[in-house]
Amino acid sequence: MRAEYDFKSGVRGKHYRLMQNGCTITIHKENGKSVIKEVLPKEGVVVLYSDMRPYF
């Protein structure tokens, strides 16, 4: 890490439990029906905020 990075006020694992619970995705199909899927993260997955995804 670079010297200018300051993590003194950071909280380790702040979102860990929330992400381990997974999420619910609703897929709206063209025919008007909806499909609901429960998604759990795979081991080792790194989740990025949507505004960061274009950079990767």
Protein backbone atom coordinates (compact mmCIF):
# COMPACT_ATOMS: atom_id res chain seq x y z
CA MET A 1 0.00 0.00 0.00
CA ARG A 2 1.09 3.52 -0.66
CA ALA A 3 1.93 5.81 2.24
CA GLU A 4 -0.86 8.25 1.30
CA TYR A 5 -3.59 5.60 1.81
CA ASP A 6 -5.25 6.13 5.18
CA PHE A 7 -7.34 3.24 6.51
CA LYS A 8 -7.46 4.40 10.15
CA SER A 9 -11.23 4.92 10.08
CA GLY A 10 -11.93 1.82 7.96
CA VAL A 11 -13.91 -1.12 9.30
CA ARG A 12 -12.68 -4.58 8.33
CA GLY A 13 -15.45 -6.85 7.04
CA LYS A 14 -18.07 -4.09 7.16
CA HIS A 15 -20.25 -5.68 4.45
CA TYR A 16 -19.10 -9.29 4.81
CA ARG A 17 -22.16 -10.70 6.58
CA LEU A 18 -24.57 -8.88 4.28
CA MET A 19 -22.84 -10.26 1.20
CA GLN A 20 -22.74 -13.79 2.64
CA ASN A 21 -26.54 -13.71 2.87
CA GLY A 22 -26.70 -13.38 -0.91
CA CYS A 23 -29.31 -11.46 -2.83
CA THR A 24 -32.61 -11.87 -4.62
CA ILE A 25 -32.81 -11.14 -8.33
CA THR A 26 -36.09 -10.58 -10.14
CA ILE A 27 -35.95 -11.20 -13.89
CA HIS A 28 -38.81 -9.65 -15.87
CA LYS A 29 -39.44 -11.54 -19.09
CA GLU A 30 -40.90 -10.11 -22.29
CA ASN A 31 -44.04 -12.22 -21.92
CA GLY A 32 -44.91 -10.43 -18.66
CA LYS A 33 -43.82 -13.20 -16.32
CA SER A 34 -41.21 -12.72 -13.62
CA VAL A 35 -38.64 -15.18 -12.35
CA ILE A 36 -37.19 -14.73 -8.86
CA LYS A 37 -33.75 -16.21 -8.12
CA GLU A 38 -31.88 -16.42 -4.86
CA VAL A 39 -28.16 -15.98 -5.48
CA LEU A 40 -25.43 -16.88 -3.00
CA PRO A 41 -21.84 -15.79 -3.60
CA LYS A 42 -19.32 -18.46 -4.53
CA GLU A 43 -16.27 -18.86 -2.34
CA GLY A 44 -13.59 -16.32 -3.20
CA VAL A 45 -15.91 -13.95 -5.07
CA VAL A 46 -15.07 -10.26 -4.90
CA VAL A 47 -18.11 -7.98 -5.16
CA LEU A 48 -17.67 -4.48 -6.58
CA TYR A 49 -19.98 -1.53 -6.30
CA SER A 50 -21.71 -0.90 -9.63
CA ASP A 51 -19.91 2.42 -10.16
CA MET A 52 -16.54 0.65 -10.01
CA ARG A 53 -17.32 -2.14 -12.51
CA PRO A 54 -16.49 -0.14 -15.67
CA TYR A 55 -12.88 0.16 -14.49
CA PHE A 56 -12.47 -3.61 -14.38
